[in-house]
Amino acid sequence: MKKTVLVVSIPIVPPWNQASKNFAINLARHSRHDFILMSTHNGREGNVFFERFYSSKNIDLTSFQKIFMLMKFLLRKNSGIDILHFVFEPNPAALSIWSWVAKIMRKPCVHTLLNLLDERQDCRKLLFADRITVCTNKVLRQLREKQVENVSLIVPGIHVENFARREKRPEIFKKYGLPERPIILFPGTYYPHHGMETMFESFLKIIKTRNDVSLVSACRVRTPLEESEEARFKKKALEMRLQDKIFFLRIVPDMAELLSLSDVCVFPPSLLMDKASVPLIVLEAAAAELPVVATNIPTLDEIKCLHPDFTVPPLDSSLLAEKILQLLRDKNLSRSVAAWQKEAVTRYYDARNMAQEYDLLYDRLI
């Protein structure tokens, strides 16, 4: 029997550049149940109902104003909701509110953890749902070691067909202000452990032998630290007279379009704390038949669509540059790696498989 699932999360609105938003929309669109997504607007897309809960700027889940709005929202919706599905990371302030909400509503609850856990935090006090779901074996082990038993592993999925490789067209290069030449894409963040420093060092090595390539940094900038780090890298590029080779993009409205322009995707973090344990951009690049070079750190080492010959140790800018150059020089190799990754992402990370597993979980809870 079809049920109605309310997803409690940040606003589910474009652009689709955050793990929790992508997870929620991919799950909802491929489930056989009806979904209510908390958004900034009202609307419907098949079995997915967008409910205006947020303003465009206010995403604070702990303010008194938001609590009051939440109660009004739930009083209006409670009778039509069968399951609550929480999608955010353990946070004492937010979870104290939402656990209270769950008790009042008396509905079965699922809580999905997309990120690695902070080892210093006693998450047992923060996890109140009937069932916890995680994306990787590492997080599963973290919870089991803390005697959390009501936990399941369900890997995330994407709509693979949305990222089918597109033709490179001059007008698309022009749209992003990029010259028509090979692109090395860095879709990470500017936080120190997420790899931009290593990527920059590698690019300096690459252009000694391949002067016809661009580095495109496609990173969201949300915090003062990210702002200052972006400014630092821009200054370095300018001082080295590389402003015509290194390009900085922030919000990309159509990531599939940028992936199709690129020749290699590079994802070289040394640590994934504060980032999704399975970064969806890696899956999306594989779906776009764009070869990916990544670091072999936990939990990237669990991702089945990363080619084992193109993973490198963290902080090794020389080996990273070597792997990138291999793919740029040898088009047959690049196509072979891309085809291998596309087959793997289709087999293991299709959103329909993810939704099917969640549907079975919902059925067991009701």
Protein backbone atom coordinates (compact mmCIF):
# COMPACT_ATOMS: atom_id res chain seq x y z
CA MET A 1 0.00 0.00 0.00
CA LYS A 2 1.30 3.46 -0.91
CA LYS A 3 2.32 5.61 2.05
CA THR A 4 3.30 9.26 2.49
CA VAL A 5 6.84 10.08 3.62
CA LEU A 6 7.79 13.53 4.96
CA VAL A 7 11.49 14.31 4.46
CA VAL A 8 12.86 16.65 7.14
CA SER A 9 15.90 18.41 5.69
CA ILE A 10 17.33 21.67 4.41
CA PRO A 11 15.27 23.27 1.60
CA ILE A 12 14.91 20.93 -1.36
CA VAL A 13 15.43 23.39 -4.20
CA PRO A 14 17.85 23.86 -7.09
CA PRO A 15 20.73 24.06 -7.66
CA TRP A 16 21.34 20.37 -6.97
CA ASN A 17 24.78 20.87 -5.46
CA GLN A 18 24.43 19.46 -1.94
CA ALA A 19 24.39 15.81 -0.93
CA SER A 20 21.27 16.00 1.24
CA LYS A 21 19.23 17.77 -1.46
CA ASN A 22 20.32 15.33 -4.16
CA PHE A 23 19.68 12.36 -1.90
CA ALA A 24 16.15 13.52 -1.05
CA ILE A 25 15.08 14.36 -4.60
CA ASN A 26 16.55 11.16 -6.09
CA LEU A 27 14.88 9.01 -3.44
CA ALA A 28 11.52 10.73 -3.78
CA ARG A 29 11.43 10.61 -7.57
CA HIS A 30 12.17 6.88 -7.71
CA SER A 31 10.10 5.62 -4.77
CA ARG A 32 6.71 3.97 -5.16
CA HIS A 33 5.46 5.99 -2.16
CA ASP A 34 4.34 9.63 -2.05
CA PHE A 35 6.83 12.17 -0.70
CA ILE A 36 6.48 15.59 0.91
CA LEU A 37 9.68 17.63 0.58
CA MET A 38 10.27 20.78 2.66
CA SER A 39 10.99 23.54 0.16
CA THR A 40 10.68 27.26 -0.53
CA HIS A 41 7.67 26.83 -2.81
CA ASN A 42 4.55 24.73 -3.29
CA GLY A 43 4.35 22.38 -6.23
CA ARG A 44 3.98 18.81 -7.42
CA GLU A 45 6.05 16.51 -9.60
CA GLY A 46 4.29 13.15 -9.91
CA ASN A 47 4.47 11.48 -6.49
CA VAL A 48 6.60 14.33 -5.07
CA PHE A 49 4.89 17.22 -3.28
CA PHE A 50 6.94 20.34 -2.53
CA GLU A 51 5.65 22.21 0.52
CA ARG A 52 6.71 25.78 1.30
CA PHE A 53 8.31 25.60 4.73
CA TYR A 54 11.38 27.80 4.27
CA SER A 55 12.04 31.30 3.05
CA SER A 56 14.78 31.48 0.43
CA LYS A 57 17.44 32.46 2.98
CA ASN A 58 16.44 31.13 6.40
CA ILE A 59 17.43 27.50 6.90
CA ASP A 60 17.91 27.58 10.68
CA LEU A 61 16.25 24.46 12.10
CA THR A 62 16.71 25.57 15.73
CA SER A 63 15.24 29.08 15.95
CA PHE A 64 12.04 29.66 17.94
CA GLN A 65 10.41 31.11 14.84
CA LYS A 66 11.20 27.92 12.95
CA ILE A 67 9.87 25.73 15.76
CA PHE A 68 6.59 27.64 15.72
CA MET A 69 6.39 27.34 11.93
CA LEU A 70 7.18 23.66 12.18
CA MET A 71 4.37 22.99 14.65
CA LYS A 72 1.86 24.78 12.43
CA PHE A 73 3.13 22.80 9.46
CA LEU A 74 2.85 19.46 11.26
CA LEU A 75 -0.59 20.17 12.74
CA ARG A 76 -1.76 20.77 9.20
CA LYS A 77 -0.01 17.73 7.75
CA ASN A 78 0.13 15.17 10.56
CA SER A 79 -2.91 13.12 9.61
CA GLY A 80 -1.60 12.68 6.07
CA ILE A 81 1.94 11.58 7.03
CA ASP A 82 2.89 7.93 7.59
CA ILE A 83 6.68 8.12 7.98
CA LEU A 84 9.20 10.80 8.97
CA HIS A 85 12.55 10.61 7.19
CA PHE A 86 15.26 12.86 8.65
CA VAL A 87 18.23 13.80 6.44
CA PHE A 88 20.82 15.81 8.36
CA GLU A 89 23.88 15.17 10.48
CA PRO A 90 23.85 14.65 14.28
CA ASN A 91 23.63 18.07 15.92
CA PRO A 92 22.56 18.44 19.56
CA ALA A 93 20.49 21.62 19.10
CA ALA A 94 18.62 20.49 15.99
CA LEU A 95 18.11 16.89 17.08
CA SER A 96 16.67 17.82 20.46
CA ILE A 97 13.92 19.67 18.60
CA TRP A 98 13.31 17.00 16.00
CA SER A 99 13.28 14.13 18.49
CA TRP A 100 10.61 16.04 20.41
CA VAL A 101 8.67 16.48 17.16
CA ALA A 102 8.91 12.76 16.41
CA LYS A 103 7.51 11.87 19.84
CA ILE A 104 4.56 14.22 19.41
CA MET A 105 3.73 12.92 15.94
CA ARG A 106 4.08 9.24 16.93
CA LYS A 107 5.16 8.24 13.45
CA PRO A 108 7.82 5.71 12.41
CA CYS A 109 11.13 7.51 11.83
CA VAL A 110 14.14 6.94 9.57
CA HIS A 111 17.33 8.99 9.92
CA THR A 112 19.87 8.95 7.08
CA LEU A 113 23.48 9.92 7.87
CA LEU A 114 25.31 10.99 4.72
CA ASN A 115 28.58 12.11 6.33
CA LEU A 116 31.31 10.49 8.36
CA LEU A 117 30.71 10.70 12.10
CA ASP A 118 32.78 12.82 14.45
CA GLU A 119 34.61 10.21 16.53
CA ARG A 120 34.64 12.57 19.52
CA GLN A 121 30.87 12.81 19.63
CA ASP A 122 28.66 10.35 21.53
CA CYS A 123 26.13 9.98 18.76
CA ARG A 124 24.00 7.47 20.69
CA LYS A 125 22.36 10.37 22.51
CA LEU A 126 21.58 12.08 19.22
CA LEU A 127 20.06 9.20 17.26
CA PHE A 128 16.39 8.74 18.12
CA ALA A 129 14.90 7.24 14.94
CA ASP A 130 13.48 3.74 14.65
CA ARG A 131 15.99 3.01 11.90
CA ILE A 132 19.30 4.66 11.02
CA THR A 133 20.68 4.35 7.49
CA VAL A 134 24.26 5.02 6.40
CA CYS A 135 26.07 5.07 3.06
CA THR A 136 29.36 3.27 3.79
CA ASN A 137 30.75 0.35 5.75
CA LYS A 138 33.04 2.70 7.65
CA VAL A 139 30.11 4.63 9.16
CA LEU A 140 28.29 1.35 9.79
CA ARG A 141 31.30 0.14 11.80
CA GLN A 142 31.50 3.47 13.65
CA LEU A 143 27.93 3.05 14.84
CA ARG A 144 28.24 -0.64 15.66
CA GLU A 145 31.31 0.14 17.77
CA LYS A 146 29.13 2.59 19.71
CA GLN A 147 26.52 -0.16 20.24
CA VAL A 148 24.03 1.35 17.82
CA GLU A 149 22.27 -1.70 16.40
CA ASN A 150 19.23 -0.33 14.53
CA VAL A 151 21.35 0.66 11.54
CA SER A 152 21.30 -0.39 7.87
CA LEU A 153 23.69 0.21 4.99
CA ILE A 154 22.01 1.60 1.86
CA VAL A 155 24.34 3.14 -0.71
CA PRO A 156 23.14 6.37 -2.37
CA GLY A 157 22.09 6.51 -5.97
CA ILE A 158 21.75 8.99 -8.83
CA HIS A 159 19.59 9.19 -11.91
CA VAL A 160 22.32 7.91 -14.22
CA GLU A 161 20.54 8.86 -17.43
CA ASN A 162 20.54 12.55 -16.44
CA PHE A 163 24.32 12.60 -16.83
CA ALA A 164 24.61 11.02 -20.26
CA ARG A 165 27.62 12.45 -22.10
CA ARG A 166 26.78 15.51 -24.20
CA GLU A 167 28.54 16.96 -27.20
CA LYS A 168 31.14 19.66 -26.53
CA ARG A 169 29.82 22.81 -28.17
CA PRO A 170 31.57 26.19 -28.57
CA GLU A 171 28.62 28.06 -27.09
CA ILE A 172 28.84 26.04 -23.88
CA PHE A 173 32.53 26.88 -23.46
CA LYS A 174 31.55 30.51 -24.01
CA LYS A 175 28.70 30.25 -21.50
CA TYR A 176 31.17 29.40 -18.73
CA GLY A 177 33.88 31.77 -19.98
CA LEU A 178 36.25 28.92 -20.81
CA PRO A 179 38.64 28.51 -23.76
CA GLU A 180 38.09 25.53 -26.06
CA ARG A 181 40.83 23.22 -24.82
CA PRO A 182 41.11 20.15 -22.53
CA ILE A 183 39.68 20.71 -19.05
CA ILE A 184 40.78 19.23 -15.75
CA LEU A 185 37.79 19.61 -13.44
CA PHE A 186 38.15 20.00 -9.66
CA PRO A 187 34.63 19.80 -8.13
CA GLY A 188 35.63 19.87 -4.46
CA THR A 189 35.73 22.56 -1.77
CA TYR A 190 38.36 25.00 -0.56
CA TYR A 191 38.64 23.50 2.91
CA PRO A 192 42.30 22.56 3.54
CA HIS A 193 41.77 18.77 3.69
CA HIS A 194 39.56 18.59 0.60
CA GLY A 195 42.39 18.73 -1.90
CA MET A 196 42.65 22.07 -3.70
CA GLU A 197 46.25 22.58 -2.56
CA THR A 198 47.22 19.18 -3.97
CA MET A 199 45.27 19.89 -7.16
CA PHE A 200 47.04 23.23 -7.62
CA GLU A 201 50.48 21.66 -7.11
CA SER A 202 49.63 18.89 -9.58
CA PHE A 203 48.48 21.38 -12.19
CA LEU A 204 51.81 23.21 -11.98
CA LYS A 205 53.52 19.91 -12.78
CA ILE A 206 51.09 19.10 -15.60
CA ILE A 207 51.55 22.36 -17.51
CA LYS A 208 55.29 21.79 -17.71
CA THR A 209 54.53 19.14 -20.34
CA ARG A 210 50.94 20.01 -21.38
CA ASN A 211 50.55 23.73 -21.80
CA ASP A 212 47.22 23.40 -23.63
CA VAL A 213 45.00 22.51 -20.66
CA SER A 214 42.75 24.42 -18.25
CA LEU A 215 42.04 23.77 -14.59
CA VAL A 216 38.44 24.54 -13.66
CA SER A 217 37.64 24.79 -9.97
CA ALA A 218 33.88 24.35 -9.50
CA CYS A 219 33.45 24.87 -5.76
CA ARG A 220 30.60 26.30 -3.72
CA VAL A 221 31.63 29.18 -1.46
CA ARG A 222 29.45 29.31 1.65
CA THR A 223 31.71 30.35 4.54
CA PRO A 224 34.30 33.06 5.27
CA LEU A 225 37.01 30.39 5.26
CA GLU A 226 36.02 29.21 1.78
CA GLU A 227 35.89 32.83 0.62
CA SER A 228 39.40 33.53 1.89
CA GLU A 229 40.80 30.29 0.47
CA GLU A 230 39.32 30.97 -2.94
CA ALA A 231 40.85 34.46 -2.84
CA ARG A 232 44.22 32.95 -1.89
CA PHE A 233 44.22 30.57 -4.84
CA LYS A 234 43.11 33.31 -7.21
CA LYS A 235 46.00 35.45 -5.98
CA LYS A 236 48.47 32.58 -6.50
CA ALA A 237 47.19 32.04 -10.03
CA LEU A 238 47.52 35.74 -10.79
CA GLU A 239 51.05 35.96 -9.36
CA MET A 240 52.08 32.97 -11.49
CA ARG A 241 50.38 34.48 -14.54
CA LEU A 242 48.02 31.52 -14.80
CA GLN A 243 44.78 33.50 -14.89
CA ASP A 244 44.23 32.29 -18.47
CA LYS A 245 44.66 28.65 -17.39
CA ILE A 246 42.93 28.41 -13.99
CA PHE A 247 39.24 29.30 -13.81
CA PHE A 248 37.08 29.63 -10.72
CA LEU A 249 33.36 28.82 -10.93
CA ARG A 250 31.02 28.83 -7.95
CA ILE A 251 27.43 27.73 -8.49
CA VAL A 252 27.10 25.71 -11.69
CA PRO A 253 23.44 25.57 -12.78
CA ASP A 254 23.89 22.43 -14.87
CA MET A 255 26.68 20.18 -13.57
CA ALA A 256 26.02 17.57 -16.27
CA GLU A 257 26.84 20.25 -18.84
CA LEU A 258 30.16 21.10 -17.18
CA LEU A 259 31.04 17.43 -16.79
CA SER A 260 30.52 16.94 -20.52
CA LEU A 261 32.92 19.81 -21.31
CA SER A 262 35.65 18.28 -19.15
CA ASP A 263 38.30 15.67 -19.96
CA VAL A 264 39.32 14.49 -16.48
CA CYS A 265 37.59 14.87 -13.10
CA VAL A 266 39.92 15.04 -10.09
CA PHE A 267 38.77 14.44 -6.52
CA PRO A 268 41.85 14.43 -4.23
CA PRO A 269 40.83 15.05 -0.57
CA SER A 270 43.07 13.87 2.26
CA LEU A 271 40.08 13.63 4.61
CA LEU A 272 36.32 13.59 4.03
CA MET A 273 35.18 14.97 7.38
CA ASP A 274 32.34 17.51 6.87
CA LYS A 275 31.65 16.06 3.44
CA ALA A 276 29.40 13.25 2.22
CA SER A 277 30.97 9.84 2.76
CA VAL A 278 29.99 8.99 -0.84
CA PRO A 279 30.42 12.27 -2.77
CA LEU A 280 27.74 12.24 -5.44
CA ILE A 281 29.88 14.28 -7.84
CA VAL A 282 32.13 11.23 -8.22
CA LEU A 283 29.13 9.12 -9.24
CA GLU A 284 27.87 11.85 -11.56
CA ALA A 285 31.24 12.14 -13.30
CA ALA A 286 31.31 8.37 -13.82
CA ALA A 287 27.77 8.51 -15.22
CA ALA A 288 28.91 11.26 -17.62
CA GLU A 289 31.69 8.96 -18.88
CA LEU A 290 34.29 11.36 -17.53
CA PRO A 291 37.32 9.49 -16.15
CA VAL A 292 37.90 10.20 -12.46
CA VAL A 293 41.18 10.32 -10.56
CA ALA A 294 40.66 10.24 -6.77
CA THR A 295 42.52 9.60 -3.54
CA ASN A 296 42.26 6.16 -1.94
CA ILE A 297 41.13 7.35 1.49
CA PRO A 298 38.23 6.13 3.60
CA THR A 299 35.45 6.18 2.39
CA LEU A 300 36.38 6.77 -1.23
CA ASP A 301 38.05 3.38 -1.16
CA GLU A 302 34.57 1.81 -0.89
CA ILE A 303 33.19 3.44 -4.04
CA LYS A 304 32.88 0.75 -6.68
CA CYS A 305 32.91 3.05 -9.71
CA LEU A 306 36.40 4.43 -9.04
CA HIS A 307 38.91 2.61 -11.24
CA PRO A 308 41.62 1.03 -9.04
CA ASP A 309 44.39 2.07 -11.45
CA PHE A 310 43.41 5.73 -11.02
CA THR A 311 43.34 6.15 -7.28
CA VAL A 312 46.34 7.70 -5.53
CA PRO A 313 47.53 8.29 -1.96
CA PRO A 314 46.45 11.61 -0.43
CA LEU A 315 48.75 14.64 -0.80
CA ASP A 316 50.83 12.97 -3.55
CA SER A 317 50.70 15.73 -6.16
CA SER A 318 53.33 14.07 -8.37
CA LEU A 319 51.48 10.77 -8.77
CA LEU A 320 48.22 12.66 -9.17
CA ALA A 321 49.74 14.68 -12.03
CA GLU A 322 51.09 11.48 -13.62
CA LYS A 323 47.66 9.80 -13.59
CA ILE A 324 45.97 12.89 -15.04
CA LEU A 325 48.56 13.12 -17.80
CA GLN A 326 48.07 9.44 -18.69
CA LEU A 327 44.39 10.10 -19.34
CA LEU A 328 45.03 13.31 -21.27
CA ARG A 329 47.68 11.70 -23.51
CA ASP A 330 45.96 8.40 -24.26
CA LYS A 331 42.41 8.85 -25.57
CA ASN A 332 41.86 5.09 -25.86
CA LEU A 333 42.83 4.64 -22.22
CA SER A 334 40.59 7.53 -21.21
CA ARG A 335 37.62 6.02 -23.06
CA SER A 336 38.30 2.59 -21.54
CA VAL A 337 38.40 3.95 -17.99
CA ALA A 338 35.30 6.04 -18.60
CA ALA A 339 33.38 3.03 -19.97
CA TRP A 340 34.43 0.89 -16.97
CA GLN A 341 33.27 3.58 -14.55
CA LYS A 342 29.98 4.10 -16.40
CA GLU A 343 29.19 0.39 -16.23
CA ALA A 344 30.01 0.30 -12.51
CA VAL A 345 27.97 3.36 -11.56
CA THR A 346 25.00 2.01 -13.51
CA ARG A 347 25.26 -1.35 -11.76
CA TYR A 348 25.83 -0.18 -8.19
CA TYR A 349 24.54 3.40 -7.84
CA ASP A 350 21.28 3.65 -9.76
CA ALA A 351 18.71 5.68 -7.78
CA ARG A 352 16.05 3.10 -8.57
CA ASN A 353 17.96 0.47 -6.60
CA MET A 354 18.39 2.87 -3.67
CA ALA A 355 14.68 3.75 -3.67
CA GLN A 356 13.71 0.08 -3.78
CA GLU A 357 15.75 -0.60 -0.63
CA TYR A 358 14.17 2.35 1.17
CA ASP A 359 10.70 1.25 0.09
CA LEU A 360 11.33 -2.14 1.68
CA LEU A 361 12.57 -0.39 4.85
CA TYR A 362 9.44 1.78 5.00
CA ASP A 363 7.25 -1.30 4.55
CA ARG A 364 8.92 -2.98 7.53
CA LEU A 365 8.35 0.05 9.73
CA ILE A 366 4.61 0.32 9.10
